[in-house]
Protein backbone atom coordinates (compact mmCIF):
# COMPACT_ATOMS: atom_id res chain seq x y z
CA MET A 1 0.02 0.03 0.04
CA PRO A 2 1.45 3.29 -0.87
CA MET A 3 2.16 5.87 1.84
CA THR A 4 1.14 9.42 1.86
CA ASN A 5 3.59 12.12 3.10
CA MET A 6 1.74 14.11 5.84
CA ILE A 7 4.05 17.09 6.00
CA ARG A 8 1.95 20.40 5.77
CA THR A 9 2.74 22.66 2.86
CA VAL A 10 3.30 26.46 3.37
CA ASP A 11 -0.09 27.12 1.59
CA GLU A 12 -1.87 24.74 4.02
CA MET A 13 -0.26 26.35 6.98
CA LYS A 14 -1.21 29.92 5.70
CA ALA A 15 -4.82 28.69 5.17
CA ASP A 16 -4.96 27.70 8.75
CA GLY A 17 -3.42 30.92 9.92
CA MET A 18 -0.19 29.32 11.16
CA CYS A 19 2.14 32.30 10.20
CA SER A 20 3.60 32.99 13.60
CA PRO A 21 7.24 33.34 14.64
CA CYS A 22 7.40 29.88 16.05
CA CYS A 23 7.05 28.36 12.64
CA SER A 24 8.79 30.89 10.51
CA ASP A 25 12.45 31.68 9.73
CA GLY A 26 11.36 35.40 8.90
CA ALA A 27 12.74 35.53 5.38
CA GLU A 28 10.85 32.74 3.64
CA GLY A 29 7.59 32.52 5.74
CA PRO A 30 6.40 29.55 7.63
CA LYS A 31 8.31 26.31 7.33
CA PRO A 32 6.30 23.18 6.55
CA GLU A 33 5.75 20.90 9.59
CA TYR A 34 3.66 17.85 10.46
CA PRO A 35 0.18 18.43 11.79
CA TRP A 36 -0.40 18.07 15.65
CA GLY A 37 -1.19 14.57 16.68
CA LEU A 38 0.94 12.63 14.35
CA ARG A 39 3.90 12.10 16.66
CA LEU A 40 4.15 8.85 18.69
CA SER A 41 5.76 8.75 22.09
CA LEU A 42 7.21 5.48 23.32
CA GLY A 43 8.58 5.06 26.81
CA LYS A 44 10.92 2.28 27.99
CA PRO A 45 8.07 -0.18 28.81
CA GLU A 46 6.70 0.19 25.24
CA MET A 47 10.14 -0.06 23.65
CA ASP A 48 10.81 -3.16 25.62
CA LYS A 49 7.47 -4.71 24.57
CA LEU A 50 8.33 -4.02 20.98
CA GLY A 51 11.91 -5.35 21.39
CA VAL A 52 13.49 -2.10 20.27
CA ASP A 53 16.25 0.00 21.76
CA LEU A 54 16.71 3.78 21.82
CA ALA A 55 17.52 4.87 18.26
CA ALA A 56 19.55 7.98 17.24
CA VAL A 57 17.67 11.12 16.32
CA GLY A 58 16.95 11.09 12.62
CA THR A 59 16.86 7.25 12.36
CA GLU A 60 14.00 6.22 9.94
CA MET A 61 11.81 3.42 11.15
CA THR A 62 8.66 1.72 9.83
CA VAL A 63 5.55 1.52 11.96
CA VAL A 64 2.84 -1.02 11.21
CA ALA A 65 -0.26 -0.80 13.36
CA LYS A 66 -3.73 -1.97 13.80
CA VAL A 67 -5.93 0.91 15.04
CA LYS A 68 -9.53 1.33 16.29
CA VAL A 69 -11.59 4.54 15.81
CA VAL A 70 -12.52 5.63 19.35
CA GLU A 71 -13.93 9.05 18.62
CA ALA A 72 -15.42 10.72 15.59
CA ARG A 73 -16.49 14.41 15.18
CA GLN A 74 -18.10 16.65 12.63
CA ASN A 75 -19.23 20.25 13.00
CA ALA A 76 -19.76 23.31 10.90
CA ASP A 77 -19.62 27.01 11.76
CA GLU A 78 -19.06 30.29 10.01
CA GLN A 79 -15.51 29.23 9.03
CA GLY A 80 -16.52 25.99 7.41
CA GLU A 81 -16.90 22.34 8.03
CA ARG A 82 -14.54 20.37 10.28
CA LYS A 83 -14.06 16.60 10.57
CA SER A 84 -11.72 14.62 12.87
CA MET A 85 -11.35 11.22 14.44
CA GLU A 86 -9.23 9.80 17.12
CA LEU A 87 -7.52 6.49 16.55
CA GLN A 88 -6.28 4.11 19.33
CA ILE A 89 -3.25 2.03 18.38
CA ALA A 90 -4.14 -1.64 19.48
CA ASP A 91 -1.34 -3.58 17.99
CA MET A 92 1.88 -2.40 16.39
CA ASP A 93 5.29 -3.29 15.10
CA LEU A 94 8.39 -1.09 14.79
CA GLN A 95 11.34 -1.89 12.57
CA LEU A 96 14.25 -0.03 11.09
CA ALA A 97 13.35 1.29 7.62
CA ALA A 98 14.48 -1.05 4.88
CA ARG A 99 17.18 0.55 2.67
CA ASP A 100 18.34 -0.49 -0.69
CA PRO A 101 21.98 -1.60 -0.19
CA ARG A 102 22.95 0.15 -3.41
CA SER A 103 22.12 3.48 -1.87
CA MET A 104 24.69 2.93 0.87
CA PHE A 105 27.38 1.92 -1.73
CA PRO A 106 26.80 4.06 -4.79
CA ASN A 107 30.22 3.30 -6.29
CA SER A 108 29.90 -0.46 -6.05
CA ASP A 109 29.02 -2.76 -8.93
CA MET A 110 25.93 -4.14 -7.29
CA ALA A 111 23.28 -4.86 -9.85
């Protein structure tokens, strides 16, 4: 199944009024960022249960999860319609992202 990059574009951020100094470098306007709620936090008990150790910042990993919808909301006001849902992760797996070995050794003769 193809994955969708969830990073917010500058236009999406501007449309939501997110042009504050906290997300701007001043010269180029707001920097793209991921929406609130898409970050997972795992403590030692969760890492132990998944069989993973602390990884270096910037390490890419793959998460596979089964979730259950635990809340769904829809409302409308003068500013438009809004929809949201909350997902509870029930089962998951976490692995280092698979890499093509050729990308690590670009000068090799690997086919």
